[in-house]
Amino acid sequence: IPGSTGVLAYTVNSGVDREIFTMNANGAGKKQLTDNNAVDDMPAWSADGAILAFTSDRREKDHYEIYTMNADGSGVQRLTSSQWDDNSPSFSPDGAKIVFASDRSSLFQVFVMNNDGSGQISLTGDDYFSGSPEWSPDGTRIVYASNQDGPLLDIYTMNADGSNKEKITDSDGHDFSPAWSPDGRQIVFTSLRDKARRVYVMDADGTGQKKLVTFYSDWPDWSPDGARIVFTRLEGNSATLFSSQAALAPGAARQFLAHGADADAEDNDRNLYTIKPDGSDLQPLTQTADTSEDRANWGPRPYT
């Protein structure tokens, strides 16, 4: 069945803290991987499905750092040591490196490091915001969000060493949270061009941009076979809540690149849904009222 393979890592917000869970692609087999009085968030699988990178403030509250753990939650290791916010990790296809975002230089930038935390270097400039990075499936490019050419966030790609930066969206609202399709031919992302968060898909060169849903949607990612896209849906009517975010000052880009991207909606009911890349066959994956599930990353191997 298309989109039925792999395992999803996602965040559960109970209203007290955030913990990382995994589940089957059909929503069954939920398993809690972290359990502490801290925020564990933004899980990202290695290409072989053996390791999860994530961000957490377990060492010092509100100072987010990058960690890794085994697929069963064991073997937790801290990779960064920052007094600011390190987030949005993404493994290179060979698992040797991790790209991530950090505001350690006051503005968010895209960094890369070895998978043990060594060799941390910046790939973007320190005079504009950049974040939400993800490595391409072939390992040659990184997609990310940045306002390097204006007040709004747009989607860019660059070589893995930070060279050859190319802008691939240019809309009248922030574009962010991009993710490559498994074959590298498409990119799914979130946009505020409709005055509320909506998931879009486009070709990897920025052409063929298409809106997938007409309600609040965010944090999209692809199934390992590219047949479906998972995303977060805010239940209920969110038009009023997010309409004020259509036009923001340049500094406000921070809220879309930081851990707490939706501080004004953290307590709202969120669930995970999947959809085909053509916008058809919308399916709920989680349906809970007392907790919020979001920020899913779809891993490459069957759940065991």
Protein backbone atom coordinates (compact mmCIF):
# COMPACT_ATOMS: atom_id res chain seq x y z
CA ILE A 1 0.00 0.00 0.00
CA PRO A 2 1.57 3.34 -0.99
CA GLY A 3 2.70 5.34 2.03
CA SER A 4 2.33 2.39 4.40
CA THR A 5 6.03 1.79 4.98
CA GLY A 6 8.39 3.30 7.50
CA VAL A 7 7.96 4.68 10.99
CA LEU A 8 7.05 8.19 12.10
CA ALA A 9 8.80 10.06 14.88
CA TYR A 10 6.74 12.96 16.21
CA THR A 11 6.22 15.25 19.19
CA VAL A 12 3.43 14.97 21.76
CA ASN A 13 2.52 18.11 23.70
CA SER A 14 0.60 17.31 26.87
CA GLY A 15 0.45 20.93 28.00
CA VAL A 16 3.23 20.27 30.52
CA ASP A 17 6.15 19.34 28.28
CA ARG A 18 6.95 17.83 24.89
CA GLU A 19 8.02 14.23 24.39
CA ILE A 20 9.07 12.26 21.33
CA PHE A 21 7.08 9.23 20.22
CA THR A 22 7.17 6.83 17.27
CA MET A 23 4.34 4.98 15.54
CA ASN A 24 3.53 2.89 12.50
CA ALA A 25 2.55 4.56 9.27
CA ASN A 26 -1.09 3.62 9.95
CA GLY A 27 -1.09 5.32 13.36
CA ALA A 28 -0.78 2.10 15.39
CA GLY A 29 2.05 0.93 17.63
CA LYS A 30 2.73 4.18 19.46
CA LYS A 31 5.88 4.13 21.57
CA GLN A 32 7.23 6.88 23.85
CA LEU A 33 10.99 7.44 23.49
CA THR A 34 11.66 10.35 25.86
CA ASP A 35 10.26 11.03 29.32
CA ASN A 36 11.43 14.04 31.33
CA ASN A 37 10.33 17.47 32.52
CA ALA A 38 11.74 19.23 29.47
CA VAL A 39 10.96 19.98 25.85
CA ASP A 40 12.10 17.22 23.48
CA ASP A 41 11.21 18.20 19.95
CA MET A 42 11.92 18.23 16.20
CA PRO A 43 12.92 14.55 15.72
CA ALA A 44 14.78 13.65 12.52
CA TRP A 45 15.74 10.15 11.34
CA SER A 46 19.10 9.07 9.99
CA ALA A 47 18.86 7.52 6.52
CA ASP A 48 19.25 3.98 7.88
CA GLY A 49 16.56 4.49 10.53
CA ALA A 50 18.94 3.62 13.36
CA ILE A 51 19.36 7.07 14.95
CA LEU A 52 17.12 10.03 15.76
CA ALA A 53 18.45 13.56 16.13
CA PHE A 54 16.31 15.98 18.12
CA THR A 55 16.38 19.25 20.05
CA SER A 56 15.91 19.53 23.82
CA ASP A 57 16.22 21.99 26.69
CA ARG A 58 16.76 19.20 29.26
CA ARG A 59 20.17 20.55 30.32
CA GLU A 60 19.04 24.15 30.83
CA LYS A 61 15.46 25.37 30.40
CA ASP A 62 14.82 27.38 27.22
CA HIS A 63 18.34 26.71 25.90
CA TYR A 64 17.80 24.18 23.14
CA GLU A 65 20.59 21.88 22.03
CA ILE A 66 20.93 19.04 19.52
CA TYR A 67 20.90 15.46 20.80
CA THR A 68 20.87 12.01 19.22
CA MET A 69 19.45 8.72 20.44
CA ASN A 70 18.92 5.22 19.16
CA ALA A 71 15.64 4.36 17.45
CA ASP A 72 14.36 2.81 20.71
CA GLY A 73 15.20 5.90 22.78
CA SER A 74 18.40 4.56 24.32
CA GLY A 75 21.92 5.95 24.04
CA VAL A 76 21.10 9.66 24.30
CA GLN A 77 24.05 11.93 23.49
CA ARG A 78 24.28 15.72 23.49
CA LEU A 79 26.05 17.17 20.42
CA THR A 80 25.90 20.94 20.91
CA SER A 81 26.43 23.24 23.88
CA SER A 82 24.70 26.54 23.34
CA GLN A 83 23.18 29.25 25.49
CA TRP A 84 20.73 29.99 22.70
CA ASP A 85 18.62 27.80 20.41
CA ASP A 86 20.02 24.94 18.32
CA ASN A 87 17.22 23.20 16.42
CA SER A 88 15.94 21.60 13.20
CA PRO A 89 18.57 18.84 12.79
CA SER A 90 18.79 16.86 9.54
CA PHE A 91 21.19 14.01 8.78
CA SER A 92 23.22 13.81 5.59
CA PRO A 93 22.29 10.69 3.57
CA ASP A 94 25.48 8.90 4.62
CA GLY A 95 24.84 9.75 8.30
CA ALA A 96 28.24 11.38 8.71
CA LYS A 97 27.02 14.95 9.21
CA ILE A 98 24.07 16.88 10.63
CA VAL A 99 22.82 20.22 9.37
CA PHE A 100 20.93 22.38 11.87
CA ALA A 101 19.86 25.92 12.72
CA SER A 102 21.20 28.06 15.56
CA ASP A 103 20.82 31.64 16.75
CA ARG A 104 24.12 31.60 18.67
CA SER A 105 25.19 34.61 16.60
CA SER A 106 21.98 36.50 17.55
CA LEU A 107 20.35 35.73 14.17
CA PHE A 108 19.47 32.20 13.11
CA GLN A 109 21.98 30.65 10.73
CA VAL A 110 22.38 27.24 9.12
CA PHE A 111 25.26 25.19 10.58
CA VAL A 112 26.72 21.80 9.79
CA MET A 113 28.65 19.45 12.09
CA ASN A 114 29.93 15.90 12.23
CA ASN A 115 27.54 13.33 13.70
CA ASP A 116 29.47 13.39 16.99
CA GLY A 117 29.05 17.17 17.35
CA SER A 118 32.55 18.12 16.24
CA GLY A 119 33.48 20.48 13.42
CA GLN A 120 30.58 22.93 13.74
CA ILE A 121 30.67 25.58 10.98
CA SER A 122 28.19 28.10 9.62
CA LEU A 123 26.96 27.83 6.02
CA THR A 124 24.95 31.08 5.87
CA GLY A 125 25.60 34.75 6.62
CA ASP A 126 25.13 36.39 10.00
CA ASP A 127 23.28 39.46 8.70
CA TYR A 128 19.99 37.69 7.90
CA PHE A 129 17.81 34.87 9.25
CA SER A 130 18.24 31.31 7.93
CA GLY A 131 16.84 28.07 9.30
CA SER A 132 14.68 24.97 8.74
CA PRO A 133 17.46 23.17 6.83
CA GLU A 134 17.19 19.71 5.30
CA TRP A 135 19.70 17.66 3.33
CA SER A 136 18.80 16.52 -0.19
CA PRO A 137 18.51 12.75 -0.77
CA ASP A 138 21.66 12.69 -2.92
CA GLY A 139 23.65 14.67 -0.34
CA THR A 140 24.68 17.47 -2.69
CA ARG A 141 22.24 20.23 -1.69
CA ILE A 142 20.57 21.69 1.39
CA VAL A 143 17.16 23.34 1.31
CA TYR A 144 16.39 26.01 3.91
CA ALA A 145 14.31 29.11 4.66
CA SER A 146 15.87 32.58 4.71
CA ASN A 147 15.11 36.30 4.40
CA GLN A 148 18.52 37.07 2.88
CA ASP A 149 16.92 38.92 -0.05
CA GLY A 150 14.12 40.79 1.71
CA PRO A 151 11.85 41.04 4.76
CA LEU A 152 10.01 37.77 4.13
CA LEU A 153 11.24 34.21 4.46
CA ASP A 154 11.61 32.32 1.19
CA ILE A 155 12.86 28.84 0.29
CA TYR A 156 16.46 28.53 -0.89
CA THR A 157 18.82 25.72 -1.83
CA MET A 158 22.59 25.65 -1.59
CA ASN A 159 25.44 23.22 -2.07
CA ALA A 160 26.33 21.13 0.98
CA ASP A 161 29.37 23.37 1.57
CA GLY A 162 27.23 26.55 1.58
CA SER A 163 28.07 27.68 -1.96
CA ASN A 164 25.75 28.36 -4.91
CA LYS A 165 22.73 29.66 -2.98
CA GLU A 166 19.55 29.82 -5.09
CA LYS A 167 16.18 31.35 -4.19
CA ILE A 168 13.30 29.15 -5.37
CA THR A 169 10.20 30.86 -3.90
CA ASP A 170 9.17 34.51 -3.95
CA SER A 171 5.68 35.01 -2.53
CA ASP A 172 3.90 37.69 -0.53
CA GLY A 173 4.06 35.63 2.67
CA HIS A 174 6.67 33.68 4.60
CA ASP A 175 7.71 30.32 3.09
CA PHE A 176 9.46 27.91 5.48
CA SER A 177 9.74 24.31 6.80
CA PRO A 178 10.84 22.73 3.47
CA ALA A 179 11.37 18.97 2.96
CA TRP A 180 12.71 17.07 -0.05
CA SER A 181 10.81 14.21 -1.64
CA PRO A 182 12.73 10.88 -1.49
CA ASP A 183 13.64 11.13 -5.20
CA GLY A 184 14.78 14.75 -4.83
CA ARG A 185 12.40 15.99 -7.53
CA GLN A 186 9.95 17.89 -5.30
CA ILE A 187 9.92 19.99 -2.15
CA VAL A 188 7.00 20.33 0.26
CA PHE A 189 6.85 23.43 2.46
CA THR A 190 4.65 25.71 4.58
CA SER A 191 3.58 29.15 3.38
CA LEU A 192 1.78 32.15 4.87
CA ARG A 193 0.92 33.61 1.45
CA ASP A 194 -2.76 32.92 2.21
CA LYS A 195 -2.57 34.77 5.57
CA ALA A 196 -2.63 31.42 7.37
CA ARG A 197 -0.33 28.40 7.32
CA ARG A 198 -0.88 26.11 4.35
CA VAL A 199 1.18 23.22 2.99
CA TYR A 200 2.41 23.59 -0.59
CA VAL A 201 4.38 21.32 -2.91
CA MET A 202 6.63 22.35 -5.81
CA ASP A 203 9.29 21.01 -8.12
CA ALA A 204 12.82 21.18 -6.74
CA ASP A 205 13.61 24.21 -8.90
CA GLY A 206 10.65 26.16 -7.49
CA THR A 207 8.28 25.69 -10.42
CA GLY A 208 4.83 24.12 -10.27
CA GLN A 209 3.87 25.41 -6.81
CA LYS A 210 0.57 23.92 -5.63
CA LYS A 211 -1.43 24.32 -2.42
CA LEU A 212 -2.43 20.94 -0.96
CA VAL A 213 -5.06 21.91 1.64
CA THR A 214 -7.21 24.92 2.52
CA PHE A 215 -7.00 24.68 6.32
CA TYR A 216 -4.17 25.28 8.82
CA SER A 217 -1.33 22.92 7.98
CA ASP A 218 2.35 22.92 8.92
CA TRP A 219 5.51 20.81 9.39
CA PRO A 220 5.18 18.62 6.27
CA ASP A 221 7.34 15.59 5.48
CA TRP A 222 7.33 12.73 2.94
CA SER A 223 6.79 9.01 3.32
CA PRO A 224 9.87 6.92 2.42
CA ASP A 225 8.28 5.90 -0.89
CA GLY A 226 7.15 9.45 -1.73
CA ALA A 227 3.52 8.35 -2.00
CA ARG A 228 2.18 10.46 0.88
CA ILE A 229 2.92 13.60 2.88
CA VAL A 230 2.41 13.88 6.63
CA PHE A 231 1.66 17.25 8.23
CA THR A 232 0.25 18.90 11.34
CA ARG A 233 -3.33 20.16 11.31
CA LEU A 234 -4.66 22.61 13.87
CA GLU A 235 -8.22 21.46 14.55
CA GLY A 236 -11.02 24.00 14.40
CA ASN A 237 -11.11 27.41 12.79
CA SER A 238 -7.64 29.01 12.80
CA ALA A 239 -8.22 31.78 10.25
CA THR A 240 -8.48 34.57 12.81
CA LEU A 241 -5.63 33.29 14.94
CA PHE A 242 -3.08 33.43 12.14
CA SER A 243 -4.37 36.22 9.92
CA SER A 244 -2.21 38.78 11.74
CA GLN A 245 0.94 36.93 10.70
CA ALA A 246 0.61 37.76 7.00
CA ALA A 247 2.98 40.75 7.08
CA LEU A 248 5.76 40.71 9.67
CA ALA A 249 8.77 42.87 10.38
CA PRO A 250 12.08 41.22 9.42
CA GLY A 251 12.96 40.42 13.02
CA ALA A 252 9.74 38.46 13.48
CA ALA A 253 11.14 35.79 11.14
CA ARG A 254 12.64 34.31 14.30
CA GLN A 255 9.35 32.75 15.36
CA PHE A 256 9.26 30.61 12.21
CA LEU A 257 12.82 29.33 12.63
CA ALA A 258 12.93 28.81 16.40
CA HIS A 259 11.70 25.90 18.45
CA GLY A 260 8.60 27.74 19.63
CA ALA A 261 7.32 28.64 16.17
CA ASP A 262 3.70 28.82 17.28
CA ALA A 263 3.84 30.27 20.77
CA ASP A 264 0.33 31.65 20.36
CA ALA A 265 -1.09 28.23 19.50
CA GLU A 266 0.90 25.80 21.62
CA ASP A 267 -2.13 24.76 23.67
CA ASN A 268 -4.44 24.24 20.71
CA ASP A 269 -5.49 20.79 19.57
CA ARG A 270 -3.21 19.48 16.82
CA ASN A 271 -3.27 16.19 14.99
CA LEU A 272 -1.26 14.50 12.26
CA TYR A 273 -2.77 13.88 8.83
CA THR A 274 -1.46 12.39 5.61
CA ILE A 275 -2.30 13.26 2.01
CA LYS A 276 -1.14 12.34 -1.47
CA PRO A 277 1.24 14.80 -3.17
CA ASP A 278 -1.52 15.73 -5.62
CA GLY A 279 -3.75 16.89 -2.73
CA SER A 280 -6.13 13.93 -2.77
CA ASP A 281 -7.02 11.27 -0.20
CA LEU A 282 -6.71 13.24 3.04
CA GLN A 283 -6.49 10.82 5.98
CA PRO A 284 -6.25 11.46 9.77
CA LEU A 285 -3.34 9.74 11.48
CA THR A 286 -3.97 10.81 15.07
CA GLN A 287 -7.24 11.96 16.66
CA THR A 288 -6.76 13.01 20.28
CA ALA A 289 -8.37 15.84 22.21
CA ASP A 290 -6.27 15.94 25.37
CA THR A 291 -2.83 16.15 23.70
CA SER A 292 -1.37 17.65 20.54
CA GLU A 293 0.70 15.60 18.09
CA ASP A 294 2.82 17.41 15.54
CA ARG A 295 6.24 17.89 13.87
CA ALA A 296 6.43 14.40 12.41
CA ASN A 297 9.43 13.02 10.54
CA TRP A 298 8.77 9.90 8.46
CA GLY A 299 11.56 7.34 8.86
CA PRO A 300 12.82 4.88 6.25
CA ARG A 301 12.21 1.49 7.84
CA PRO A 302 9.29 -0.60 9.12
CA TYR A 303 8.46 -0.19 12.79
CA THR A 304 9.49 -3.13 14.99
